[in-house]
C-alpha atoms as a PDB file:
ATOM      1  CA  MET A   1       9.563  51.572  14.958  1.00  0.00           C
ATOM      2  CA  SER A   2      10.765  51.446  11.301  1.00  0.00           C
ATOM      3  CA  SER A   3      14.093  50.478  10.582  1.00  0.00           C
ATOM      4  CA  ASP A   4      13.980  51.636   6.900  1.00  0.00           C
ATOM      5  CA  THR A   5      17.191  53.609   6.542  1.00  0.00           C
ATOM      6  CA  SER A   6      17.044  53.542   2.582  1.00  0.00           C
ATOM      7  CA  PHE A   7      18.630  56.848   1.271  1.00  0.00           C
ATOM      8  CA  THR A   8      17.256  58.643  -1.714  1.00  0.00           C
ATOM      9  CA  ASN A   9      18.449  61.642  -3.632  1.00  0.00           C
ATOM     10  CA  GLU A  10      16.173  62.336  -6.505  1.00  0.00           C
ATOM     11  CA  THR A  11      17.110  64.669  -9.355  1.00  0.00           C
ATOM     12  CA  VAL A  12      14.652  67.849  -9.189  1.00  0.00           C
ATOM     13  CA  ASP A  13      12.912  68.770 -12.468  1.00  0.00           C
ATOM     14  CA  LEU A  14      13.952  72.385 -12.683  1.00  0.00           C
ATOM     15  CA  ASP A  15      11.051  73.224 -15.073  1.00  0.00           C
ATOM     16  CA  HIS A  16       8.640  72.344 -12.083  1.00  0.00           C
ATOM     17  CA  LEU A  17      10.283  74.682  -9.534  1.00  0.00           C
ATOM     18  CA  PRO A  18       8.377  77.988  -9.040  1.00  0.00           C
ATOM     19  CA  LYS A  19       9.850  81.096 -10.786  1.00  0.00           C
ATOM     20  CA  TYR A  20      10.793  83.882  -8.612  1.00  0.00           C
ATOM     21  CA  GLU A  21      11.137  86.117 -11.714  1.00  0.00           C
ATOM     22  CA  GLU A  22       7.237  85.773 -12.304  1.00  0.00           C
ATOM     23  CA  ILE A  23       6.355  87.265  -8.946  1.00  0.00           C
ATOM     24  CA  LEU A  24       4.773  90.745  -9.092  1.00  0.00           C
ATOM     25  CA  LEU A  25       7.162  92.993  -6.873  1.00  0.00           C
ATOM     26  CA  LYS A  26       5.784  95.919  -5.042  1.00  0.00           C
ATOM     27  CA  GLN A  27       7.839  99.173  -6.183  1.00  0.00           C
ATOM     28  CA  PRO A  28       8.979 101.600  -3.466  1.00  0.00           C
ATOM     29  CA  HIS A  29       6.668 104.818  -2.954  1.00  0.00           C
ATOM     30  CA  PRO A  30       6.677 107.212  -5.536  1.00  0.00           C
ATOM     31  CA  ASP A  31       7.699 109.893  -2.829  1.00  0.00           C
ATOM     32  CA  TYR A  32      10.933 108.086  -2.041  1.00  0.00           C
ATOM     33  CA  TRP A  33      12.170 109.443  -5.549  1.00  0.00           C
ATOM     34  CA  LYS A  34      11.881 112.764  -3.864  1.00  0.00           C
ATOM     35  CA  ILE A  35      13.956 111.795  -0.886  1.00  0.00           C
ATOM     36  CA  ILE A  36      16.579 110.360  -3.163  1.00  0.00           C
ATOM     37  CA  CYS A  37      16.647 113.824  -5.124  1.00  0.00           C
ATOM     38  CA  ILE A  38      17.018 115.703  -1.991  1.00  0.00           C
ATOM     39  CA  ASN A  39      19.659 113.524  -0.785  1.00  0.00           C
ATOM     40  CA  LEU A  40      21.757 114.040  -4.105  1.00  0.00           C
ATOM     41  CA  SER A  41      21.037 117.688  -4.193  1.00  0.00           C
ATOM     42  CA  VAL A  42      22.378 118.049  -0.525  1.00  0.00           C
ATOM     43  CA  PHE A  43      25.631 115.839  -1.408  1.00  0.00           C
ATOM     44  CA  PHE A  44      26.323 117.697  -4.740  1.00  0.00           C
ATOM     45  CA  GLY A  45      25.372 121.098  -3.218  1.00  0.00           C
ATOM     46  CA  LEU A  46      28.037 120.679  -0.558  1.00  0.00           C
ATOM     47  CA  MET A  47      30.502 119.238  -3.119  1.00  0.00           C
ATOM     48  CA  GLY A  48      29.589 122.375  -5.503  1.00  0.00           C
ATOM     49  CA  ILE A  49      30.435 124.698  -2.671  1.00  0.00           C
ATOM     50  CA  GLY A  50      33.867 122.925  -2.015  1.00  0.00           C
ATOM     51  CA  LEU A  51      34.574 122.871  -5.663  1.00  0.00           C
ATOM     52  CA  GLY A  52      33.510 126.505  -6.129  1.00  0.00           C
ATOM     53  CA  SER A  53      35.571 127.488  -3.194  1.00  0.00           C
ATOM     54  CA  ILE A  54      38.752 125.999  -4.638  1.00  0.00           C
ATOM     55  CA  LEU A  55      38.275 127.342  -8.089  1.00  0.00           C
ATOM     56  CA  LEU A  56      37.861 130.707  -6.273  1.00  0.00           C
ATOM     57  CA  PHE A  57      40.620 130.781  -3.897  1.00  0.00           C
ATOM     58  CA  VAL A  58      43.131 128.387  -5.502  1.00  0.00           C
ATOM     59  CA  ASP A  59      45.075 130.124  -8.517  1.00  0.00           C
ATOM     60  CA  GLU A  60      46.780 127.127  -9.731  1.00  0.00           C
ATOM     61  CA  VAL A  61      43.436 125.454 -10.098  1.00  0.00           C
ATOM     62  CA  ARG A  62      41.451 128.390 -11.674  1.00  0.00           C
ATOM     63  CA  PRO A  63      42.494 127.969 -15.204  1.00  0.00           C
ATOM     64  CA  ASN A  64      41.026 124.411 -15.208  1.00  0.00           C
ATOM     65  CA  ALA A  65      37.715 125.687 -14.557  1.00  0.00           C
ATOM     66  CA  ILE A  66      36.731 125.492 -18.197  1.00  0.00           C
ATOM     67  CA  TRP A  67      36.772 121.822 -17.950  1.00  0.00           C
ATOM     68  CA  ILE A  68      36.248 121.193 -14.350  1.00  0.00           C
ATOM     69  CA  ILE A  69      32.658 122.949 -14.193  1.00  0.00           C
ATOM     70  CA  PRO A  70      31.132 121.067 -17.201  1.00  0.00           C
ATOM     71  CA  LEU A  71      32.646 117.637 -15.850  1.00  0.00           C
ATOM     72  CA  TYR A  72      30.961 118.595 -12.552  1.00  0.00           C
ATOM     73  CA  PHE A  73      27.550 119.127 -14.056  1.00  0.00           C
ATOM     74  CA  THR A  74      27.861 115.957 -16.242  1.00  0.00           C
ATOM     75  CA  VAL A  75      28.658 113.896 -13.092  1.00  0.00           C
ATOM     76  CA  VAL A  76      25.754 115.545 -11.327  1.00  0.00           C
ATOM     77  CA  ILE A  77      23.228 114.449 -14.340  1.00  0.00           C
ATOM     78  CA  ILE A  78      24.738 110.793 -14.660  1.00  0.00           C
ATOM     79  CA  PHE A  79      24.175 110.351 -11.100  1.00  0.00           C
ATOM     80  CA  PHE A  80      20.634 111.459 -11.162  1.00  0.00           C
ATOM     81  CA  LEU A  81      19.855 109.327 -14.113  1.00  0.00           C
ATOM     82  CA  LEU A  82      21.545 106.353 -12.535  1.00  0.00           C
ATOM     83  CA  PHE A  83      19.508 106.824  -9.277  1.00  0.00           C
ATOM     84  CA  ARG A  84      16.423 107.232 -11.350  1.00  0.00           C
ATOM     85  CA  LEU A  85      16.750 104.017 -13.344  1.00  0.00           C
ATOM     86  CA  SER A  86      17.777 102.282 -10.015  1.00  0.00           C
ATOM     87  CA  PHE A  87      14.657 103.586  -8.503  1.00  0.00           C
ATOM     88  CA  LYS A  88      12.670 101.971 -11.097  1.00  0.00           C
ATOM     89  CA  LYS A  89      14.192  98.671 -10.974  1.00  0.00           C
ATOM     90  CA  ARG A  90      13.910  98.081  -7.247  1.00  0.00           C
ATOM     91  CA  GLY A  91      10.949  95.971  -5.982  1.00  0.00           C
ATOM     92  CA  TYR A  92      10.126  93.713  -3.182  1.00  0.00           C
ATOM     93  CA  ALA A  93       7.675  91.046  -2.074  1.00  0.00           C
ATOM     94  CA  VAL A  94       6.484  89.218   1.447  1.00  0.00           C
ATOM     95  CA  ARG A  95       5.675  85.634   0.829  1.00  0.00           C
ATOM     96  CA  THR A  96       4.300  82.847   3.073  1.00  0.00           C
ATOM     97  CA  HIS A  97       8.093  81.535   3.471  1.00  0.00           C
ATOM     98  CA  ASP A  98      10.249  84.186   2.265  1.00  0.00           C
ATOM     99  CA  VAL A  99      10.935  87.789   1.578  1.00  0.00           C
ATOM    100  CA  ILE A 100      12.296  88.823  -2.069  1.00  0.00           C
ATOM    101  CA  TYR A 101      14.221  92.010  -2.795  1.00  0.00           C
ATOM    102  CA  LYS A 102      15.255  92.886  -6.287  1.00  0.00           C
ATOM    103  CA  SER A 103      17.608  95.924  -7.286  1.00  0.00           C
ATOM    104  CA  GLY A 104      20.354  96.838  -9.746  1.00  0.00           C
ATOM    105  CA  ILE A 105      20.819  98.553 -12.965  1.00  0.00           C
ATOM    106  CA  VAL A 106      23.695  96.768 -14.747  1.00  0.00           C
ATOM    107  CA  ALA A 107      24.067  93.845 -12.421  1.00  0.00           C
ATOM    108  CA  GLU A 108      20.611  92.871 -11.195  1.00  0.00           C
ATOM    109  CA  SER A 109      20.500  91.381  -7.751  1.00  0.00           C
ATOM    110  CA  THR A 110      17.616  89.324  -6.502  1.00  0.00           C
ATOM    111  CA  THR A 111      17.790  88.414  -2.760  1.00  0.00           C
ATOM    112  CA  ILE A 112      15.312  85.763  -1.506  1.00  0.00           C
ATOM    113  CA  VAL A 113      15.490  85.323   2.329  1.00  0.00           C
ATOM    114  CA  PRO A 114      13.593  82.436   3.878  1.00  0.00           C
ATOM    115  CA  LEU A 115      11.856  83.394   7.125  1.00  0.00           C
ATOM    116  CA  ASN A 116      13.691  80.682   9.074  1.00  0.00           C
ATOM    117  CA  ARG A 117      16.911  82.576   8.302  1.00  0.00           C
ATOM    118  CA  ILE A 118      15.719  85.993   9.464  1.00  0.00           C
ATOM    119  CA  GLN A 119      17.418  86.759  12.901  1.00  0.00           C
ATOM    120  CA  HIS A 120      16.265  90.521  13.328  1.00  0.00           C
ATOM    121  CA  ILE A 121      14.015  92.920  11.872  1.00  0.00           C
ATOM    122  CA  GLU A 122      14.739  96.885  11.931  1.00  0.00           C
ATOM    123  CA  LEU A 123      12.309  99.811  10.996  1.00  0.00           C
ATOM    124  CA  ASN A 124      14.172 102.992  10.171  1.00  0.00           C
ATOM    125  CA  GLU A 125      13.016 106.465   9.541  1.00  0.00           C
ATOM    126  CA  GLY A 126      15.385 109.151   8.385  1.00  0.00           C
ATOM    127  CA  ILE A 127      14.831 113.028   8.674  1.00  0.00           C
ATOM    128  CA  PHE A 128      13.400 113.385   5.253  1.00  0.00           C
ATOM    129  CA  SER A 129      11.577 109.980   5.372  1.00  0.00           C
ATOM    130  CA  ARG A 130       9.610 111.115   8.059  1.00  0.00           C
ATOM    131  CA  ILE A 131       8.575 114.283   6.144  1.00  0.00           C
ATOM    132  CA  TYR A 132       7.050 112.035   3.308  1.00  0.00           C
ATOM    133  CA  LYS A 133       5.833 109.159   6.109  1.00  0.00           C
ATOM    134  CA  LEU A 134       8.223 106.686   4.615  1.00  0.00           C
ATOM    135  CA  GLY A 135      10.458 104.246   6.210  1.00  0.00           C
ATOM    136  CA  SER A 136      12.910 101.513   5.389  1.00  0.00           C
ATOM    137  CA  LEU A 137      12.913  97.745   6.604  1.00  0.00           C
ATOM    138  CA  GLN A 138      16.138  96.049   7.260  1.00  0.00           C
ATOM    139  CA  VAL A 139      15.999  92.241   7.462  1.00  0.00           C
ATOM    140  CA  PHE A 140      19.052  90.476   9.130  1.00  0.00           C
ATOM    141  CA  THR A 141      19.916  86.938   8.507  1.00  0.00           C
ATOM    142  CA  ALA A 142      21.825  84.319  10.120  1.00  0.00           C
ATOM    143  CA  GLY A 143      24.845  83.736   8.095  1.00  0.00           C
ATOM    144  CA  GLY A 144      26.405  87.017   7.337  1.00  0.00           C
ATOM    145  CA  GLN A 145      25.815  90.282   5.314  1.00  0.00           C
ATOM    146  CA  SER A 146      25.348  88.661   2.077  1.00  0.00           C
ATOM    147  CA  GLY A 147      21.738  87.766   3.093  1.00  0.00           C
ATOM    148  CA  HIS A 148      20.543  90.837   4.406  1.00  0.00           C
ATOM    149  CA  ILE A 149      17.865  92.907   3.022  1.00  0.00           C
ATOM    150  CA  HIS A 150      17.327  96.763   3.010  1.00  0.00           C
ATOM    151  CA  ILE A 151      14.165  97.809   1.540  1.00  0.00           C
ATOM    152  CA  SER A 152      13.598 101.612   1.374  1.00  0.00           C
ATOM    153  CA  GLY A 153      10.721 103.487   0.371  1.00  0.00           C
ATOM    154  CA  ILE A 154       8.001 102.131   2.054  1.00  0.00           C
ATOM    155  CA  ALA A 155       5.154 103.840   3.459  1.00  0.00           C
ATOM    156  CA  ILE A 156       5.328 103.823   7.297  1.00  0.00           C
ATOM    157  CA  GLU A 157       2.354 102.199   7.934  1.00  0.00           C
ATOM    158  CA  GLU A 158       2.871  99.506   5.453  1.00  0.00           C
ATOM    159  CA  ALA A 159       6.512  99.268   6.809  1.00  0.00           C
ATOM    160  CA  LYS A 160       5.103  98.740  10.201  1.00  0.00           C
ATOM    161  CA  SER A 161       2.642  96.039   9.165  1.00  0.00           C
ATOM    162  CA  ILE A 162       5.259  94.129   7.138  1.00  0.00           C
ATOM    163  CA  ARG A 163       7.511  94.036  10.332  1.00  0.00           C
ATOM    164  CA  ASP A 164       4.861  92.942  12.609  1.00  0.00           C
ATOM    165  CA  LEU A 165       3.658  90.270  10.143  1.00  0.00           C
ATOM    166  CA  LEU A 166       7.260  88.982  10.024  1.00  0.00           C
ATOM    167  CA  LEU A 167       7.792  89.066  13.862  1.00  0.00           C
ATOM    168  CA  LYS A 168       4.561  87.020  13.979  1.00  0.00           C
ATOM    169  CA  LYS A 169       5.576  84.631  11.650  1.00  0.00           C
ATOM    170  CA  LEU A 170       9.158  84.143  13.205  1.00  0.00           C
ATOM    171  CA  ASP A 171       7.290  83.700  16.477  1.00  0.00           C
ATOM    172  CA  LEU A 172       5.266  80.918  15.004  1.00  0.00           C
ATOM    173  CA  LEU A 173       8.627  79.436  13.506  1.00  0.00           C
ATOM    174  CA  GLU A 174      10.157  79.371  16.889  1.00  0.00           C
ATOM    175  CA  ASN A 175       7.073  78.370  19.125  1.00  0.00           C
ATOM    176  CA  PRO A 176       4.969  76.172  16.950  1.00  0.00           C
ATOM    177  CA  ALA A 177       2.883  75.313  20.194  1.00  0.00           C
ATOM    178  CA  THR A 178       1.549  78.928  19.973  1.00  0.00           C
ATOM    179  CA  GLU A 179      -0.347  78.431  16.640  1.00  0.00           C
ATOM    180  CA  THR A 180      -2.133  75.291  17.896  1.00  0.00           C
ATOM    181  CA  GLU A 181      -3.137  77.020  21.190  1.00  0.00           C
ATOM    182  CA  ALA A 182      -4.615  80.163  19.580  1.00  0.00           C
END
């Protein structure tokens, strides 16, 4: 047994580290934009009905309709544009040792979760997602909310494949003997 207890703490050359920015990220399925539009339409439709009811039945508010209605439609347009930009900026990648998810318009966020930090994987299908055969994957990590990833708009078969692949990799991390026996 060696008694060499020398401690080293070398400086890492940052220029030689892999650049996550150069990774080709997979975009959400194009049909996911339709689901976003449906959700926004339902939300703003209900909001419009409520606003219309207030304008119709509350006499004190009715004179303000001249600016409330254009403001409402401006907000609707802004939301659709922001969600469209956000949709185009999203991307994900599953690599040998980690999962990457990128999103955001103004403040771009890239989350990289090492496989050994993953605690739980969840596959979800919403009502409209099922119509378009899409799902979302949630990757839960050890260490709290900040490391969780929620990837929406993945074709359901691909989402199942990713989930199964990650579960196999997690199983190998937890039970390394399984790999040598197989």
